[in-house]
Every structure is written in C-alpha cells, then in structure tokens.
C-alpha cells in the first residue's frame, strides 16, 4: 500500500511540469480572447511641413542643341515639401521661347512650379507676356491678375480672379479668363469691359 501511494506521488511529481504548461497555455489563450481588439487600420499620415530642400538666389537655364537659351527660371528662394507636388518660389521670374519663336515672360511675388517647369501658378501681382510673333500674325498679349495658372507647353492660361488682358492695342477686363494659344480661343466670364482700338491701315 505504501509502495502504491509512493508510486502515485512520483507520477504526479513527474507530470506536474506538463500540467503547469497546460495551465499557462490555457491562461494565455483566455487573456488573448478577453483582450479588446486592436484597430488594424493604418495610422493616420500627417503631412510634413518641413522642407526637404531650400535654395536661395537661384537661376535655372535650359539651352537647345545650338546653345540658344530656351528657358530661364529665377527666384529669390525656392523650397519643396516632401508631400507636395509643387516647388514654391519667392520672387518668381520666368522666360521661355518655343520652336515657333514665340517668347513668353512671367513674373509674380510667389510662384508654384511643377518639377518639369512647364506648369506654373503665379500668385500676387502675376504678370504674363507673350511677345508678338516675328511673322507678324500674332500680336503681343499681356495678362495681369492676382493669380494666373499657366501651362507653357500647351500654351494655356486660366484665372478665376479679376484679370486685365492687353491684346495688341485692345484692352479687356473680366472676372475670369480661359485662354488657349494653340486654338487661339479666349473665354472671358463675369463682368467684362473692353476697349477696342481699330488698327491703323498700312500706308
């Protein structure tokens, strides 16, 4: 009887670690099932307002294969934010000439440029000029507004602010503007006031 009791005690002692492991496993399982669920959605992304680069007093130039200046971009300073599409430029100045020889000039207190430098937003005393074509079939065009959105490759200008347009000797003022140089179309909306001057006949 004593030997039987001792054998039972030995078996219990030997199986005690397995019992403890099983109890711990059941306890861990219960804690996991009882714990509140954690939201697996991604954490919100906060836009970084620290520029990844800042340039002071810069000039960018682009030349063609013959060495002729095709485009120039200048600014008092420029900066780019990591999450932003635009490069912000203070005291914006731009010059370009296309394959047809049309010269464009632009300036503003502040400009936004895409990385390809073919799309700009001019903000604050925005001024855009397309000089008269050397062939004489396109007069000089000048636009002034508080904001102008310019696409140089598409030769397009849009503004939702009051704008003043000088086309040759004609002066037009409107609340908004949509200009397409390729199709030679001009849409003016809102209050439109025009002063048209008849061209002098050739002598």
Protein backbone atom coordinates (compact mmCIF):
# COMPACT_ATOMS: atom_id res chain seq x y z
CA UNK A 1 0.00 0.00 0.00
CA UNK A 2 2.80 2.37 0.90
CA UNK A 3 4.63 1.47 -2.29
CA UNK A 4 1.48 2.11 -4.32
CA UNK A 5 0.99 5.54 -2.67
CA UNK A 6 4.62 6.41 -3.30
CA UNK A 7 4.27 5.41 -6.96
CA UNK A 8 1.23 7.68 -7.36
CA UNK A 9 3.13 10.59 -5.77
CA UNK A 10 6.08 10.01 -8.13
CA UNK A 11 3.76 10.03 -11.16
CA UNK A 12 2.16 13.28 -10.01
CA UNK A 13 5.53 14.93 -9.49
CA UNK A 14 6.71 13.83 -12.93
CA UNK A 15 3.53 15.12 -14.62
CA UNK A 16 3.50 18.44 -12.72
CA UNK A 17 5.54 20.39 -15.33
CA UNK A 18 3.16 19.28 -18.11
CA UNK A 19 0.18 20.35 -16.02
CA UNK A 20 1.74 23.77 -15.37
CA UNK A 21 2.48 24.29 -19.06
CA UNK A 22 -1.09 23.38 -19.95
CA UNK A 23 -2.45 25.79 -17.32
CA UNK A 24 -0.25 28.61 -18.60
CA UNK A 25 -1.30 27.92 -22.20
CA UNK A 26 -4.97 28.00 -21.27
CA UNK A 27 -4.42 31.22 -19.31
CA UNK A 28 -2.66 32.89 -22.24
CA UNK A 29 -5.43 31.80 -24.61
CA UNK A 30 -8.07 33.22 -22.29
CA UNK A 31 -6.21 36.54 -22.00
CA UNK A 32 -5.92 36.86 -25.78
CA UNK A 33 -9.63 36.11 -26.27
CA UNK A 34 -10.61 38.51 -23.49
CA UNK A 35 -8.39 41.41 -24.58
CA UNK A 36 -10.10 44.23 -26.55
CA UNK A 37 -9.49 44.13 -30.30
CA UNK A 38 -6.86 46.44 -31.72
CA UNK A 39 -7.73 48.52 -34.78
CA UNK A 40 -5.62 47.19 -37.62
CA UNK A 41 -6.20 50.22 -39.85
CA UNK A 42 -3.06 52.17 -40.76
CA UNK A 43 -2.11 55.07 -38.56
CA UNK A 44 -3.04 58.50 -39.93
CA UNK A 45 -0.43 60.19 -42.12
CA UNK A 46 0.42 63.73 -41.12
CA UNK A 47 1.82 65.98 -43.81
CA UNK A 48 5.36 67.06 -43.09
CA UNK A 49 5.68 70.85 -43.24
CA UNK A 50 9.48 70.76 -43.03
CA UNK A 51 11.08 71.44 -46.46
CA UNK A 52 13.32 68.67 -47.76
CA UNK A 53 15.39 71.32 -49.53
CA UNK A 54 15.70 75.12 -49.66
CA UNK A 55 17.60 77.09 -52.33
CA UNK A 56 18.49 80.78 -52.04
CA UNK A 57 19.02 83.10 -55.01
CA UNK A 58 18.90 80.56 -57.84
CA UNK A 59 18.86 80.66 -61.65
CA UNK A 60 17.98 77.66 -63.85
CA UNK A 61 18.73 77.78 -67.57
CA UNK A 62 17.89 75.45 -70.45
CA UNK A 63 19.68 75.55 -73.82
CA UNK A 64 18.98 73.83 -77.12
CA UNK A 65 21.48 71.83 -79.17
CA UNK A 66 22.82 75.01 -80.80
CA UNK A 67 23.46 76.71 -77.48
CA UNK A 68 20.50 79.09 -77.68
CA UNK A 69 18.73 79.87 -74.42
CA UNK A 70 15.28 78.21 -74.45
CA UNK A 71 14.10 78.76 -70.88
CA UNK A 72 15.16 80.55 -67.72
CA UNK A 73 13.71 80.34 -64.22
CA UNK A 74 14.84 82.63 -61.40
CA UNK A 75 13.78 83.20 -57.83
CA UNK A 76 14.83 84.83 -54.59
CA UNK A 77 14.34 81.47 -52.88
CA UNK A 78 12.75 78.08 -53.51
CA UNK A 79 11.64 75.26 -51.27
CA UNK A 80 9.91 71.90 -51.60
CA UNK A 81 7.84 69.99 -49.06
CA UNK A 82 8.17 66.17 -49.06
CA UNK A 83 4.45 65.56 -49.70
CA UNK A 84 3.87 68.49 -52.05
CA UNK A 85 3.51 68.46 -55.81
CA UNK A 86 4.81 72.00 -56.25
CA UNK A 87 8.12 73.79 -55.78
CA UNK A 88 7.44 77.12 -54.03
CA UNK A 89 9.39 80.08 -55.42
CA UNK A 90 9.58 83.58 -53.98
CA UNK A 91 10.01 86.49 -56.45
CA UNK A 92 9.27 84.30 -59.43
CA UNK A 93 10.70 85.19 -62.88
CA UNK A 94 10.38 83.03 -65.99
CA UNK A 95 11.38 83.28 -69.66
CA UNK A 96 10.90 80.78 -72.50
CA UNK A 97 10.88 80.55 -76.28
CA UNK A 98 9.25 77.73 -78.24
CA UNK A 99 10.02 76.11 -81.58
CA UNK A 100 7.86 78.70 -83.38
CA UNK A 101 9.90 81.53 -81.90
CA UNK A 102 7.19 82.74 -79.52
CA UNK A 103 8.71 84.38 -76.45
CA UNK A 104 6.95 84.24 -73.08
CA UNK A 105 7.85 86.12 -69.92
CA UNK A 106 6.25 85.80 -66.49
CA UNK A 107 6.73 87.21 -63.01
CA UNK A 108 4.93 87.17 -59.66
CA UNK A 109 5.52 87.74 -55.97
CA UNK A 110 5.26 83.99 -55.48
CA UNK A 111 5.20 81.10 -57.92
CA UNK A 112 4.48 77.39 -57.78
CA UNK A 113 6.27 75.21 -60.33
CA UNK A 114 5.91 71.54 -61.15
CA UNK A 115 9.18 69.54 -61.33
CA UNK A 116 9.17 69.68 -65.16
CA UNK A 117 8.93 73.52 -65.12
CA UNK A 118 6.13 73.55 -67.70
CA UNK A 119 3.23 74.34 -65.36
CA UNK A 120 3.13 77.34 -63.02
CA UNK A 121 0.79 79.07 -60.63
CA UNK A 122 1.60 82.77 -60.37
CA UNK A 123 0.34 84.38 -57.16
CA UNK A 124 0.48 88.04 -56.22
CA UNK A 125 0.98 90.69 -58.93
CA UNK A 126 1.02 87.97 -61.57
CA UNK A 127 2.23 89.26 -64.92
CA UNK A 128 2.46 87.25 -68.14
CA UNK A 129 3.58 88.47 -71.57
CA UNK A 130 3.71 86.68 -74.90
CA UNK A 131 5.64 88.85 -77.30
CA UNK A 132 4.38 89.45 -80.82
CA UNK A 133 5.42 86.75 -83.26
CA UNK A 134 8.20 87.70 -85.65
CA UNK A 135 6.00 86.66 -88.59
CA UNK A 136 3.54 89.37 -87.57
CA UNK A 137 0.45 87.16 -87.43
CA UNK A 138 0.22 87.08 -83.62
CA UNK A 139 0.10 90.39 -81.69
CA UNK A 140 1.59 90.93 -78.29
CA UNK A 141 -0.53 89.58 -75.41
CA UNK A 142 -0.19 90.74 -71.80
CA UNK A 143 -2.13 89.43 -68.79
CA UNK A 144 -2.20 90.84 -65.27
CA UNK A 145 -4.04 89.39 -62.29
CA UNK A 146 -3.66 88.36 -58.68
CA UNK A 147 -3.41 84.72 -59.82
CA UNK A 148 -2.64 83.05 -63.15
CA UNK A 149 -2.35 79.31 -63.85
CA UNK A 150 -0.01 78.77 -66.81
CA UNK A 151 0.82 75.72 -68.95
CA UNK A 152 3.76 76.63 -71.19
CA UNK A 153 3.77 73.52 -73.42
CA UNK A 154 0.02 73.64 -74.02
CA UNK A 155 0.13 77.47 -74.29
CA UNK A 156 -2.83 77.76 -71.91
CA UNK A 157 -3.64 80.31 -69.19
CA UNK A 158 -6.52 80.15 -66.70
CA UNK A 159 -7.55 82.53 -63.93
CA UNK A 160 -10.57 82.66 -61.63
CA UNK A 161 -9.60 86.13 -60.39
CA UNK A 162 -10.21 89.54 -61.99
CA UNK A 163 -7.80 89.89 -64.89
CA UNK A 164 -6.68 92.55 -67.31
CA UNK A 165 -5.77 91.46 -70.84
CA UNK A 166 -3.99 93.56 -73.44
CA UNK A 167 -4.20 92.05 -76.93
CA UNK A 168 -2.34 94.20 -79.40
CA UNK A 169 -3.98 97.61 -78.93
CA UNK A 170 -7.12 96.17 -77.33
CA UNK A 171 -7.70 96.25 -73.57
CA UNK A 172 -10.12 93.85 -71.87
CA UNK A 173 -11.03 93.40 -68.19
CA UNK A 174 -13.00 90.44 -66.83
CA UNK A 175 -13.72 88.48 -63.66
CA UNK A 176 -12.13 85.29 -65.03
CA UNK A 177 -10.23 84.08 -68.06
CA UNK A 178 -9.53 80.92 -70.05
CA UNK A 179 -7.00 81.33 -72.87
CA UNK A 180 -5.80 78.66 -75.31
CA UNK A 181 -3.00 79.82 -77.56
CA UNK A 182 -2.94 76.72 -79.73
CA UNK A 183 -6.60 77.06 -80.76
CA UNK A 184 -6.45 80.87 -80.42
CA UNK A 185 -9.58 80.94 -78.27
CA UNK A 186 -10.30 83.28 -75.39
CA UNK A 187 -13.17 82.89 -72.92
CA UNK A 188 -13.99 85.76 -70.55
CA UNK A 189 -16.63 85.44 -67.83
CA UNK A 190 -18.29 87.67 -65.26
CA UNK A 191 -18.21 91.42 -65.71
CA UNK A 192 -16.40 92.08 -68.98
CA UNK A 193 -15.28 95.54 -70.08
CA UNK A 194 -13.42 96.04 -73.35
CA UNK A 195 -11.73 98.97 -75.03
CA UNK A 196 -11.17 98.14 -78.70
CA UNK A 197 -8.89 100.25 -80.85
CA UNK A 198 -9.08 99.95 -84.61
CA UNK A 199 -5.77 99.04 -86.18
CA UNK A 200 -4.35 101.73 -88.42
CA UNK A 201 -4.42 100.65 -92.07
CA UNK A 202 -1.00 100.07 -93.62
CA UNK A 203 0.37 103.05 -95.56
